[in-house]
Amino acid sequence: MLCWKKEKKKLELIILCLQEDECKLILEERKNQRTIVNNYFLQGEKLHYGAEMLSNIKKTSLDLSIAFDLLLNINTALKNKSIVNRYSPLLTCLLLWEILSVIIL
């Protein structure tokens, strides 16, 4: 539990830093986008933060090659209900919709 609290504080700091345009540049790197999908979309506790990070990427910079893994991870989160059982499920779903609309459209 203590590890998750530390991790949550780190993630909240990352989200806070994303208010600055210079910090968003880090997210434009494909390697970082893949890391977000592989690390933050596998666990329900972190899914909201991953969605928040990906939603801060410009449409032109989003690496569409992560789409398949992203969809698989979202599907897994829906099946095990980790989206609805975690922090702010409505906001998480809205962020996911925002990301998916970029990928699909």
N, C-alpha and C. Protein backbone atom coordinates (compact mmCIF):
# COMPACT_ATOMS: atom_id res chain seq x y z
N MET A 1 0.82 -1.19 0.00
CA MET A 1 0.00 0.00 0.00
C MET A 1 0.86 1.26 0.00
N LEU A 2 1.96 1.22 0.75
CA LEU A 2 2.85 2.37 0.83
C LEU A 2 3.51 2.64 -0.52
N CYS A 3 3.88 1.58 -1.25
CA CYS A 3 4.46 1.76 -2.58
C CYS A 3 3.47 2.43 -3.52
N TRP A 4 2.20 2.04 -3.45
CA TRP A 4 1.21 2.64 -4.34
C TRP A 4 1.02 4.12 -4.01
N LYS A 5 1.08 4.48 -2.73
CA LYS A 5 0.94 5.89 -2.35
C LYS A 5 2.08 6.71 -2.93
N LYS A 6 3.31 6.17 -2.88
CA LYS A 6 4.45 6.88 -3.46
C LYS A 6 4.30 6.98 -4.97
N GLU A 7 3.90 5.89 -5.59
CA GLU A 7 3.69 5.87 -7.03
C GLU A 7 2.61 6.87 -7.43
N LYS A 8 1.54 6.92 -6.68
CA LYS A 8 0.44 7.84 -6.97
C LYS A 8 0.91 9.29 -6.89
N LYS A 9 1.73 9.60 -5.89
CA LYS A 9 2.25 10.96 -5.76
C LYS A 9 3.13 11.32 -6.96
N LYS A 10 3.93 10.37 -7.43
CA LYS A 10 4.76 10.60 -8.61
C LYS A 10 3.89 10.86 -9.84
N LEU A 11 2.85 10.05 -10.00
CA LEU A 11 1.97 10.21 -11.15
C LEU A 11 1.22 11.53 -11.11
N GLU A 12 0.79 11.93 -9.93
CA GLU A 12 0.11 13.21 -9.79
C GLU A 12 1.04 14.38 -10.11
N LEU A 13 2.32 14.23 -9.76
CA LEU A 13 3.31 15.25 -10.09
C LEU A 13 3.53 15.33 -11.60
N ILE A 14 3.56 14.18 -12.26
CA ILE A 14 3.70 14.15 -13.72
C ILE A 14 2.53 14.88 -14.36
N ILE A 15 1.32 14.59 -13.91
CA ILE A 15 0.12 15.23 -14.47
C ILE A 15 0.18 16.75 -14.23
N LEU A 16 0.63 17.15 -13.07
CA LEU A 16 0.77 18.57 -12.77
C LEU A 16 1.78 19.23 -13.71
N CYS A 17 2.89 18.55 -13.96
CA CYS A 17 3.92 19.09 -14.85
C CYS A 17 3.42 19.22 -16.28
N LEU A 18 2.47 18.42 -16.67
CA LEU A 18 1.96 18.45 -18.04
C LEU A 18 1.18 19.73 -18.35
N GLN A 19 0.97 20.55 -17.36
CA GLN A 19 0.34 21.84 -17.62
C GLN A 19 1.30 22.78 -18.35
N GLU A 20 2.59 22.46 -18.31
CA GLU A 20 3.60 23.25 -19.02
C GLU A 20 3.87 22.62 -20.38
N ASP A 21 3.86 23.44 -21.41
CA ASP A 21 4.07 22.93 -22.78
C ASP A 21 5.41 22.23 -22.96
N GLU A 22 6.45 22.70 -22.27
CA GLU A 22 7.77 22.10 -22.41
C GLU A 22 7.77 20.65 -21.93
N CYS A 23 6.98 20.37 -20.91
CA CYS A 23 6.91 19.00 -20.38
C CYS A 23 6.18 18.06 -21.34
N LYS A 24 5.25 18.60 -22.09
CA LYS A 24 4.49 17.77 -23.03
C LYS A 24 5.37 17.24 -24.15
N LEU A 25 6.47 17.91 -24.42
CA LEU A 25 7.38 17.46 -25.48
C LEU A 25 7.92 16.06 -25.22
N ILE A 26 8.09 15.73 -23.96
CA ILE A 26 8.59 14.40 -23.59
C ILE A 26 7.63 13.32 -24.07
N LEU A 27 6.34 13.61 -24.04
CA LEU A 27 5.33 12.64 -24.43
C LEU A 27 5.31 12.39 -25.94
N GLU A 28 5.88 13.27 -26.72
CA GLU A 28 5.85 13.11 -28.17
C GLU A 28 6.79 12.02 -28.67
N GLU A 29 7.73 11.60 -27.84
CA GLU A 29 8.65 10.54 -28.23
C GLU A 29 7.91 9.20 -28.24
N ARG A 30 8.06 8.47 -29.33
CA ARG A 30 7.35 7.19 -29.47
C ARG A 30 7.67 6.22 -28.34
N LYS A 31 8.92 6.20 -27.94
CA LYS A 31 9.35 5.29 -26.87
C LYS A 31 8.56 5.58 -25.59
N ASN A 32 8.36 6.84 -25.29
CA ASN A 32 7.62 7.21 -24.07
C ASN A 32 6.13 6.88 -24.18
N GLN A 33 5.57 7.02 -25.37
CA GLN A 33 4.17 6.66 -25.57
C GLN A 33 3.97 5.16 -25.37
N ARG A 34 4.88 4.37 -25.90
CA ARG A 34 4.79 2.91 -25.72
C ARG A 34 4.93 2.54 -24.25
N THR A 35 5.83 3.22 -23.54
CA THR A 35 6.01 2.96 -22.11
C THR A 35 4.73 3.27 -21.34
N ILE A 36 4.07 4.35 -21.70
CA ILE A 36 2.80 4.71 -21.03
C ILE A 36 1.76 3.61 -21.26
N VAL A 37 1.63 3.17 -22.50
CA VAL A 37 0.63 2.13 -22.81
C VAL A 37 0.96 0.83 -22.10
N ASN A 38 2.22 0.44 -22.08
CA ASN A 38 2.61 -0.84 -21.49
C ASN A 38 2.64 -0.82 -19.96
N ASN A 39 2.85 0.34 -19.36
CA ASN A 39 2.95 0.39 -17.90
C ASN A 39 1.71 0.92 -17.20
N TYR A 40 1.03 1.87 -17.82
CA TYR A 40 -0.08 2.52 -17.12
C TYR A 40 -1.45 2.05 -17.56
N PHE A 41 -1.52 1.24 -18.59
CA PHE A 41 -2.83 0.75 -19.03
C PHE A 41 -3.03 -0.71 -18.65
N LEU A 42 -2.12 -1.27 -17.89
CA LEU A 42 -2.26 -2.66 -17.46
C LEU A 42 -2.88 -2.78 -16.08
N GLN A 43 -2.79 -1.73 -15.28
CA GLN A 43 -3.32 -1.78 -13.93
C GLN A 43 -4.38 -0.70 -13.76
N GLY A 44 -5.47 -1.08 -13.14
CA GLY A 44 -6.58 -0.16 -12.98
C GLY A 44 -6.23 1.11 -12.22
N GLU A 45 -5.35 0.99 -11.23
CA GLU A 45 -5.00 2.16 -10.43
C GLU A 45 -4.29 3.21 -11.27
N LYS A 46 -3.54 2.76 -12.26
CA LYS A 46 -2.73 3.67 -13.06
C LYS A 46 -3.38 4.07 -14.38
N LEU A 47 -4.45 3.42 -14.73
CA LEU A 47 -5.08 3.64 -16.03
C LEU A 47 -5.50 5.10 -16.23
N HIS A 48 -6.06 5.70 -15.22
CA HIS A 48 -6.48 7.10 -15.31
C HIS A 48 -5.29 8.00 -15.64
N TYR A 49 -4.16 7.76 -14.99
CA TYR A 49 -2.98 8.59 -15.21
C TYR A 49 -2.42 8.39 -16.62
N GLY A 50 -2.43 7.15 -17.08
CA GLY A 50 -1.99 6.89 -18.45
C GLY A 50 -2.86 7.59 -19.46
N ALA A 51 -4.17 7.55 -19.23
CA ALA A 51 -5.10 8.23 -20.13
C ALA A 51 -4.87 9.73 -20.11
N GLU A 52 -4.61 10.26 -18.95
CA GLU A 52 -4.33 11.70 -18.81
C GLU A 52 -3.06 12.06 -19.59
N MET A 53 -2.05 11.23 -19.50
CA MET A 53 -0.80 11.49 -20.22
C MET A 53 -1.02 11.45 -21.74
N LEU A 54 -1.66 10.38 -22.21
CA LEU A 54 -1.86 10.26 -23.65
C LEU A 54 -2.77 11.35 -24.21
N SER A 55 -3.70 11.82 -23.42
CA SER A 55 -4.60 12.86 -23.90
C SER A 55 -3.89 14.20 -24.05
N ASN A 56 -2.70 14.33 -23.49
CA ASN A 56 -1.91 15.55 -23.61
C ASN A 56 -0.98 15.56 -24.82
N ILE A 57 -1.03 14.51 -25.61
CA ILE A 57 -0.18 14.43 -26.80
C ILE A 57 -0.92 15.03 -27.97
N LYS A 58 -0.23 15.85 -28.75
CA LYS A 58 -0.84 16.43 -29.94
C LYS A 58 -1.25 15.31 -30.90
N LYS A 59 -2.35 15.52 -31.61
CA LYS A 59 -2.84 14.50 -32.55
C LYS A 59 -1.79 14.12 -33.57
N THR A 60 -1.03 15.08 -34.02
CA THR A 60 -0.02 14.82 -35.05
C THR A 60 1.18 14.06 -34.51
N SER A 61 1.35 14.04 -33.20
CA SER A 61 2.49 13.37 -32.59
C SER A 61 2.16 11.99 -32.03
N LEU A 62 0.89 11.64 -31.99
CA LEU A 62 0.49 10.35 -31.42
C LEU A 62 0.94 9.22 -32.33
N ASP A 63 1.66 8.27 -31.75
CA ASP A 63 2.17 7.12 -32.48
C ASP A 63 1.04 6.10 -32.63
N LEU A 64 0.54 5.96 -33.84
CA LEU A 64 -0.61 5.07 -34.06
C LEU A 64 -0.24 3.59 -33.98
N SER A 65 1.07 3.28 -33.96
CA SER A 65 1.46 1.87 -33.84
C SER A 65 1.18 1.31 -32.44
N ILE A 66 0.89 2.18 -31.48
CA ILE A 66 0.55 1.70 -30.13
C ILE A 66 -0.93 1.37 -30.01
N ALA A 67 -1.69 1.66 -31.05
CA ALA A 67 -3.16 1.51 -30.99
C ALA A 67 -3.59 0.10 -30.61
N PHE A 68 -2.98 -0.92 -31.21
CA PHE A 68 -3.40 -2.30 -30.94
C PHE A 68 -3.21 -2.65 -29.47
N ASP A 69 -2.01 -2.36 -28.93
CA ASP A 69 -1.75 -2.65 -27.51
C ASP A 69 -2.65 -1.83 -26.61
N LEU A 70 -2.88 -0.59 -26.99
CA LEU A 70 -3.76 0.27 -26.21
C LEU A 70 -5.17 -0.31 -26.15
N LEU A 71 -5.69 -0.73 -27.29
CA LEU A 71 -7.04 -1.31 -27.32
C LEU A 71 -7.12 -2.61 -26.53
N LEU A 72 -6.09 -3.44 -26.63
CA LEU A 72 -6.07 -4.68 -25.84
C LEU A 72 -6.09 -4.39 -24.35
N ASN A 73 -5.29 -3.42 -23.94
CA ASN A 73 -5.22 -3.10 -22.51
C ASN A 73 -6.52 -2.47 -22.02
N ILE A 74 -7.13 -1.64 -22.83
CA ILE A 74 -8.43 -1.06 -22.44
C ILE A 74 -9.48 -2.15 -22.35
N ASN A 75 -9.47 -3.08 -23.31
CA ASN A 75 -10.42 -4.19 -23.29
C ASN A 75 -10.26 -5.03 -22.03
N THR A 76 -9.02 -5.29 -21.65
CA THR A 76 -8.76 -6.04 -20.42
C THR A 76 -9.29 -5.29 -19.20
N ALA A 77 -9.07 -3.99 -19.17
CA ALA A 77 -9.55 -3.17 -18.05
C ALA A 77 -11.07 -3.16 -17.99
N LEU A 78 -11.72 -3.19 -19.14
CA LEU A 78 -13.19 -3.25 -19.16
C LEU A 78 -13.68 -4.60 -18.66
N LYS A 79 -13.01 -5.67 -19.09
CA LYS A 79 -13.45 -7.01 -18.68
C LYS A 79 -13.30 -7.22 -17.19
N ASN A 80 -12.19 -6.77 -16.62
CA ASN A 80 -12.01 -6.99 -15.17
C ASN A 80 -12.55 -5.82 -14.33
N LYS A 81 -13.21 -4.87 -15.01
CA LYS A 81 -13.91 -3.75 -14.37
C LYS A 81 -12.99 -2.84 -13.57
N SER A 82 -11.70 -2.82 -13.91
CA SER A 82 -10.78 -1.95 -13.19
C SER A 82 -10.98 -0.48 -13.55
N ILE A 83 -11.67 -0.21 -14.66
CA ILE A 83 -11.96 1.18 -15.02
C ILE A 83 -13.02 1.75 -14.07
N VAL A 84 -14.07 1.00 -13.83
CA VAL A 84 -15.17 1.51 -13.02
C VAL A 84 -14.91 1.41 -11.52
N ASN A 85 -13.97 0.60 -11.12
CA ASN A 85 -13.70 0.41 -9.70
C ASN A 85 -12.57 1.28 -9.18
N ARG A 86 -12.12 2.23 -9.97
CA ARG A 86 -10.97 3.04 -9.59
C ARG A 86 -11.31 4.51 -9.53
N TYR A 87 -10.27 5.30 -9.37
CA TYR A 87 -10.37 6.75 -9.25
C TYR A 87 -11.08 7.35 -10.45
N SER A 88 -12.11 8.09 -10.20
CA SER A 88 -12.84 8.88 -11.19
C SER A 88 -13.14 8.12 -12.49
N PRO A 89 -14.02 7.13 -12.43
CA PRO A 89 -14.30 6.32 -13.62
C PRO A 89 -14.87 7.12 -14.79
N LEU A 90 -15.69 8.12 -14.51
CA LEU A 90 -16.27 8.93 -15.58
C LEU A 90 -15.20 9.73 -16.31
N LEU A 91 -14.33 10.36 -15.56
CA LEU A 91 -13.24 11.12 -16.16
C LEU A 91 -12.30 10.20 -16.95
N THR A 92 -12.02 9.03 -16.41
CA THR A 92 -11.17 8.07 -17.10
C THR A 92 -11.78 7.67 -18.43
N CYS A 93 -13.08 7.37 -18.42
CA CYS A 93 -13.76 6.99 -19.66
C CYS A 93 -13.77 8.14 -20.67
N LEU A 94 -13.93 9.35 -20.19
CA LEU A 94 -13.90 10.51 -21.08
C LEU A 94 -12.52 10.68 -21.71
N LEU A 95 -11.49 10.52 -20.92
CA LEU A 95 -10.12 10.62 -21.45
C LEU A 95 -9.85 9.51 -22.46
N LEU A 96 -10.33 8.31 -22.18
CA LEU A 96 -10.15 7.20 -23.12
C LEU A 96 -10.89 7.47 -24.42
N TRP A 97 -12.09 8.01 -24.32
CA TRP A 97 -12.84 8.36 -25.53
C TRP A 97 -12.08 9.38 -26.36
N GLU A 98 -11.49 10.36 -25.69
CA GLU A 98 -10.72 11.39 -26.38
C GLU A 98 -9.55 10.77 -27.15
N ILE A 99 -8.84 9.85 -26.51
CA ILE A 99 -7.70 9.20 -27.14
C ILE A 99 -8.16 8.32 -28.30
N LEU A 100 -9.19 7.53 -28.07
CA LEU A 100 -9.68 6.61 -29.10
C LEU A 100 -10.25 7.35 -30.31
N SER A 101 -10.86 8.51 -30.06
CA SER A 101 -11.39 9.26 -31.21
C SER A 101 -10.26 9.76 -32.09
N VAL A 102 -9.11 10.04 -31.53
CA VAL A 102 -7.95 10.44 -32.33
C VAL A 102 -7.44 9.25 -33.15
N ILE A 103 -7.39 8.10 -32.53
CA ILE A 103 -6.86 6.90 -33.19
C ILE A 103 -7.82 6.43 -34.30
N ILE A 104 -9.09 6.44 -34.00
CA ILE A 104 -10.08 5.91 -34.95
C ILE A 104 -10.37 6.88 -36.08
N LEU A 105 -10.48 8.15 -35.77
CA LEU A 105 -10.81 9.16 -36.77
C LEU A 105 -9.56 9.62 -37.38
